[in-house]
Amino acid sequence: MCLVPVPGHGETYRHVDKQFIYTIKVDQAKLNEIAKLLGIPPGQAATWQPGNILVVNDTQGGLSKK
C-alpha cells in the first residue's frame, strides 16, 4: 500500500493498492542518473540515500465511476 496526495484537497491522502505500485531498487549511481534526467541539481541529489523508489500508477484516482 502507498499513500498519494489528493489534488486540491490540502493534506488529504488516499491509498493505492499494492498491485499499482512498482518498486525500483537504486544505488547512488542510479540516483545520480535519475536526478540528472529530472533536472535536479547534483548538490540536492547528493543528499539522497540508496534504497527504493516507488512508482505509482495513479490513473485509478482519475477514472470516473459509471
N, C-alpha and C. Protein backbone atom coordinates (compact mmCIF):
# COMPACT_ATOMS: atom_id res chain seq x y z
N MET A 1 0.83 -1.17 0.00
CA MET A 1 0.00 0.00 0.00
C MET A 1 0.88 1.24 0.00
N CYS A 2 0.41 2.28 -0.67
CA CYS A 2 1.12 3.55 -0.74
C CYS A 2 0.08 4.66 -0.63
N LEU A 3 0.43 5.75 0.04
CA LEU A 3 -0.48 6.88 0.14
C LEU A 3 -0.05 7.96 -0.83
N VAL A 4 -1.00 8.52 -1.58
CA VAL A 4 -0.71 9.60 -2.52
C VAL A 4 -1.63 10.78 -2.19
N PRO A 5 -1.13 12.01 -2.42
CA PRO A 5 -1.96 13.18 -2.14
C PRO A 5 -3.15 13.28 -3.10
N VAL A 6 -4.24 13.83 -2.61
CA VAL A 6 -5.42 14.06 -3.43
C VAL A 6 -5.35 15.52 -3.90
N PRO A 7 -5.20 15.75 -5.21
CA PRO A 7 -5.07 17.12 -5.72
C PRO A 7 -6.26 17.99 -5.32
N GLY A 8 -5.95 19.20 -4.86
CA GLY A 8 -6.99 20.15 -4.50
C GLY A 8 -7.63 19.93 -3.14
N HIS A 9 -7.11 18.98 -2.35
CA HIS A 9 -7.69 18.69 -1.04
C HIS A 9 -6.68 18.83 0.10
N GLY A 10 -5.75 19.74 -0.04
CA GLY A 10 -4.79 20.02 1.04
C GLY A 10 -4.00 18.80 1.48
N GLU A 11 -4.12 18.49 2.75
CA GLU A 11 -3.36 17.38 3.35
C GLU A 11 -4.14 16.07 3.33
N THR A 12 -4.97 15.86 2.31
CA THR A 12 -5.76 14.64 2.20
C THR A 12 -5.01 13.64 1.34
N TYR A 13 -4.94 12.40 1.80
CA TYR A 13 -4.26 11.33 1.07
C TYR A 13 -5.20 10.14 0.90
N ARG A 14 -4.94 9.36 -0.13
CA ARG A 14 -5.70 8.12 -0.33
C ARG A 14 -4.70 6.99 -0.58
N HIS A 15 -5.13 5.77 -0.35
CA HIS A 15 -4.20 4.66 -0.54
C HIS A 15 -4.31 4.12 -1.96
N VAL A 16 -3.18 3.59 -2.44
CA VAL A 16 -3.11 2.93 -3.74
C VAL A 16 -2.74 1.48 -3.44
N ASP A 17 -3.50 0.57 -3.99
CA ASP A 17 -3.27 -0.85 -3.75
C ASP A 17 -1.91 -1.29 -4.28
N LYS A 18 -1.35 -2.31 -3.65
CA LYS A 18 -0.03 -2.83 -3.98
C LYS A 18 0.13 -3.19 -5.46
N GLN A 19 -0.94 -3.65 -6.09
CA GLN A 19 -0.84 -4.07 -7.49
C GLN A 19 -0.55 -2.91 -8.45
N PHE A 20 -0.71 -1.66 -7.99
CA PHE A 20 -0.47 -0.49 -8.82
C PHE A 20 0.86 0.20 -8.49
N ILE A 21 1.71 -0.48 -7.70
CA ILE A 21 2.99 0.08 -7.28
C ILE A 21 4.13 -0.77 -7.83
N TYR A 22 5.13 -0.10 -8.42
CA TYR A 22 6.32 -0.78 -8.92
C TYR A 22 7.51 -0.26 -8.13
N THR A 23 8.33 -1.14 -7.59
CA THR A 23 9.48 -0.77 -6.79
C THR A 23 10.77 -0.90 -7.60
N ILE A 24 11.58 0.18 -7.58
CA ILE A 24 12.88 0.18 -8.25
C ILE A 24 13.96 0.29 -7.17
N LYS A 25 14.84 -0.70 -7.09
CA LYS A 25 15.95 -0.62 -6.14
C LYS A 25 17.06 0.22 -6.77
N VAL A 26 17.57 1.21 -6.01
CA VAL A 26 18.57 2.11 -6.57
C VAL A 26 19.79 2.24 -5.65
N ASP A 27 20.95 2.36 -6.30
CA ASP A 27 22.18 2.68 -5.59
C ASP A 27 22.51 4.15 -5.88
N GLN A 28 23.61 4.64 -5.38
CA GLN A 28 23.95 6.06 -5.55
C GLN A 28 24.14 6.43 -7.01
N ALA A 29 24.71 5.54 -7.80
CA ALA A 29 24.92 5.82 -9.23
C ALA A 29 23.58 5.99 -9.95
N LYS A 30 22.61 5.11 -9.66
CA LYS A 30 21.29 5.23 -10.28
C LYS A 30 20.59 6.50 -9.80
N LEU A 31 20.74 6.83 -8.52
CA LEU A 31 20.14 8.07 -8.01
C LEU A 31 20.68 9.28 -8.74
N ASN A 32 21.98 9.30 -9.00
CA ASN A 32 22.58 10.41 -9.73
C ASN A 32 22.04 10.50 -11.14
N GLU A 33 21.86 9.36 -11.81
CA GLU A 33 21.30 9.34 -13.16
C GLU A 33 19.87 9.86 -13.17
N ILE A 34 19.08 9.40 -12.22
CA ILE A 34 17.67 9.83 -12.13
C ILE A 34 17.59 11.33 -11.89
N ALA A 35 18.42 11.84 -11.00
CA ALA A 35 18.43 13.28 -10.72
C ALA A 35 18.78 14.07 -11.98
N LYS A 36 19.76 13.58 -12.72
CA LYS A 36 20.17 14.27 -13.95
C LYS A 36 19.02 14.28 -14.96
N LEU A 37 18.34 13.15 -15.12
CA LEU A 37 17.22 13.06 -16.06
C LEU A 37 16.06 13.98 -15.66
N LEU A 38 15.87 14.16 -14.36
CA LEU A 38 14.77 15.00 -13.87
C LEU A 38 15.17 16.47 -13.71
N GLY A 39 16.44 16.79 -13.98
CA GLY A 39 16.89 18.17 -13.87
C GLY A 39 17.07 18.64 -12.44
N ILE A 40 17.35 17.72 -11.54
CA ILE A 40 17.56 18.04 -10.13
C ILE A 40 19.04 18.34 -9.92
N PRO A 41 19.36 19.45 -9.24
CA PRO A 41 20.76 19.83 -9.03
C PRO A 41 21.57 18.72 -8.34
N PRO A 42 22.82 18.50 -8.77
CA PRO A 42 23.65 17.45 -8.18
C PRO A 42 23.81 17.59 -6.66
N GLY A 43 23.87 18.82 -6.15
CA GLY A 43 24.01 19.01 -4.71
C GLY A 43 22.82 18.47 -3.93
N GLN A 44 21.63 18.64 -4.48
CA GLN A 44 20.43 18.13 -3.82
C GLN A 44 20.38 16.60 -3.91
N ALA A 45 20.74 16.06 -5.07
CA ALA A 45 20.72 14.61 -5.26
C ALA A 45 21.76 13.93 -4.37
N ALA A 46 22.84 14.62 -4.02
CA ALA A 46 23.89 14.04 -3.19
C ALA A 46 23.39 13.72 -1.78
N THR A 47 22.30 14.35 -1.35
CA THR A 47 21.76 14.11 -0.01
C THR A 47 20.85 12.88 0.03
N TRP A 48 20.49 12.37 -1.14
CA TRP A 48 19.61 11.20 -1.20
C TRP A 48 20.36 9.95 -0.79
N GLN A 49 19.66 9.01 -0.19
CA GLN A 49 20.24 7.74 0.24
C GLN A 49 19.78 6.61 -0.69
N PRO A 50 20.65 5.63 -0.98
CA PRO A 50 20.24 4.48 -1.77
C PRO A 50 19.08 3.75 -1.08
N GLY A 51 18.26 3.10 -1.85
CA GLY A 51 17.11 2.37 -1.31
C GLY A 51 16.13 2.04 -2.41
N ASN A 52 14.85 2.34 -2.19
CA ASN A 52 13.81 2.03 -3.16
C ASN A 52 13.09 3.29 -3.61
N ILE A 53 12.71 3.30 -4.86
CA ILE A 53 11.84 4.34 -5.40
C ILE A 53 10.54 3.63 -5.77
N LEU A 54 9.42 4.17 -5.32
CA LEU A 54 8.13 3.60 -5.65
C LEU A 54 7.51 4.39 -6.80
N VAL A 55 7.15 3.68 -7.86
CA VAL A 55 6.47 4.29 -8.99
C VAL A 55 5.02 3.85 -8.89
N VAL A 56 4.12 4.83 -8.79
CA VAL A 56 2.70 4.53 -8.56
C VAL A 56 1.89 4.85 -9.80
N ASN A 57 1.09 3.88 -10.25
CA ASN A 57 0.15 4.10 -11.33
C ASN A 57 -1.07 4.75 -10.69
N ASP A 58 -1.18 6.06 -10.84
CA ASP A 58 -2.21 6.83 -10.16
C ASP A 58 -3.43 7.10 -11.03
N THR A 59 -3.60 6.37 -12.12
CA THR A 59 -4.73 6.64 -13.00
C THR A 59 -6.06 6.23 -12.38
N GLN A 60 -6.04 5.38 -11.38
CA GLN A 60 -7.28 4.93 -10.76
C GLN A 60 -8.04 6.10 -10.15
N GLY A 61 -7.33 7.09 -9.62
CA GLY A 61 -7.99 8.22 -8.99
C GLY A 61 -8.66 9.14 -9.98
N GLY A 62 -8.27 9.09 -11.25
CA GLY A 62 -8.82 9.99 -12.24
C GLY A 62 -9.95 9.39 -13.05
N LEU A 63 -10.26 8.14 -12.84
CA LEU A 63 -11.31 7.50 -13.62
C LEU A 63 -12.69 7.85 -13.07
N SER A 64 -13.61 8.15 -13.95
CA SER A 64 -14.96 8.45 -13.49
C SER A 64 -15.70 7.14 -13.23
N LYS A 65 -16.59 7.17 -12.26
CA LYS A 65 -17.37 5.98 -11.92
C LYS A 65 -18.64 5.97 -12.77
N LYS A 66 -18.93 4.82 -13.35
CA LYS A 66 -20.13 4.70 -14.19
C LYS A 66 -21.17 3.86 -13.53
